[in-house]
Protein backbone atom coordinates (compact mmCIF):
# COMPACT_ATOMS: atom_id res chain seq x y z
CA MET A 1 0.02 -0.02 0.01
CA LYS A 2 1.30 3.42 -0.90
CA LYS A 3 2.10 5.88 1.73
CA ASN A 4 -0.68 8.48 2.16
CA ALA A 5 -3.04 6.32 0.19
CA THR A 6 -6.67 7.42 0.28
CA ILE A 7 -9.15 4.73 1.54
CA ARG A 8 -12.70 5.25 0.31
CA THR A 9 -15.46 4.42 2.68
CA THR A 10 -19.17 4.36 2.36
CA HIS A 11 -21.03 6.43 4.91
CA LEU A 12 -23.93 4.34 6.09
CA THR A 13 -25.66 7.34 7.80
CA SER A 14 -26.78 8.63 4.33
CA ASP A 15 -28.45 5.29 3.49
CA PRO A 16 -32.08 4.93 4.21
CA PRO A 17 -32.92 2.70 7.17
CA ILE A 18 -33.90 -0.89 6.39
CA PHE A 19 -36.92 -0.90 8.54
CA THR A 20 -38.72 2.46 8.13
CA GLY A 21 -41.70 3.16 10.33
CA THR A 22 -41.34 -0.06 12.29
CA ASP A 23 -40.65 -0.14 15.98
CA TRP A 24 -39.00 -3.56 16.43
CA ALA A 25 -39.96 -3.56 20.10
CA ARG A 26 -43.60 -3.69 19.09
CA VAL A 27 -43.33 -6.40 16.39
CA GLU A 28 -44.57 -9.64 17.89
CA ALA A 29 -43.69 -13.08 16.62
CA LEU A 30 -46.49 -15.15 15.17
CA THR A 31 -47.72 -18.20 17.04
CA ASP A 32 -47.49 -21.70 15.63
CA ALA A 33 -51.26 -21.60 15.02
CA GLU A 34 -50.95 -18.35 13.08
CA ILE A 35 -48.13 -19.74 10.95
CA ALA A 36 -50.09 -22.92 10.24
CA ALA A 37 -53.12 -20.83 9.19
CA ALA A 38 -51.04 -18.67 6.84
CA VAL A 39 -49.41 -21.80 5.39
CA ALA A 40 -52.75 -23.39 4.71
CA ALA A 41 -54.13 -20.20 3.18
CA ALA A 42 -51.05 -19.76 0.86
CA ILE A 43 -51.29 -23.43 -0.27
CA GLN A 44 -54.97 -23.07 -1.12
CA SER A 45 -54.61 -19.72 -2.84
CA SER A 46 -51.67 -20.82 -4.92
CA GLY A 47 -53.24 -24.12 -5.92
CA ALA A 48 -50.15 -25.96 -4.72
CA LYS A 49 -50.53 -29.76 -4.91
CA SER A 50 -46.93 -31.16 -4.52
CA MET A 51 -43.36 -30.35 -3.46
CA ALA A 52 -42.79 -28.99 -6.94
CA ASP A 53 -45.02 -26.08 -5.98
CA MET A 54 -43.19 -25.24 -2.76
CA SER A 55 -41.48 -22.20 -4.27
CA LYS A 56 -44.82 -20.71 -5.19
CA VAL A 57 -46.08 -21.10 -1.60
CA MET A 58 -42.86 -19.71 -0.04
CA ALA A 59 -42.99 -16.74 -2.45
CA ALA A 60 -46.49 -15.94 -1.24
CA LEU A 61 -45.55 -16.33 2.46
CA LYS A 62 -42.21 -14.54 2.57
CA PRO A 63 -43.55 -10.91 2.31
CA GLN A 64 -46.26 -11.74 4.91
CA LEU A 65 -44.15 -13.54 7.47
CA ALA A 66 -40.56 -12.26 7.18
CA GLY A 67 -39.49 -10.73 10.35
CA ARG A 68 -42.46 -12.09 12.28
CA ALA A 69 -41.73 -15.86 11.93
CA ASP A 70 -38.69 -18.15 11.57
CA MET A 71 -38.72 -18.77 7.87
CA GLY A 72 -36.94 -22.16 8.37
CA LYS A 73 -39.92 -23.26 10.49
CA VAL A 74 -42.34 -21.95 7.92
CA SER A 75 -40.54 -23.86 5.20
CA ALA A 76 -40.65 -27.06 7.24
CA SER A 77 -44.43 -26.53 7.77
CA VAL A 78 -44.94 -25.99 4.00
CA LYS A 79 -42.92 -29.07 3.23
CA ALA A 80 -44.86 -31.25 5.68
CA LYS A 81 -48.17 -30.08 4.31
CA LEU A 82 -47.22 -30.68 0.62
CA SER A 83 -45.59 -34.01 1.40
CA ALA A 84 -48.75 -35.30 3.17
């Protein structure tokens, strides 16, 4: 590295916040029953019949549940329903 080299940095303070208008202290996690209901509704509305349709169901659920539910748990629930 050259002496007196300039290092460029990005100032994060000018970037917009990721979660605008949301107070994380007030966001509550969904219960298992609420997750199961959302999964059932997404499967029905997307017309999913098999594991090949899992991506359709997850695409419908992600905007609704992200940040409010463990998406790994949601994925496992979708997988179980579609495999049954």
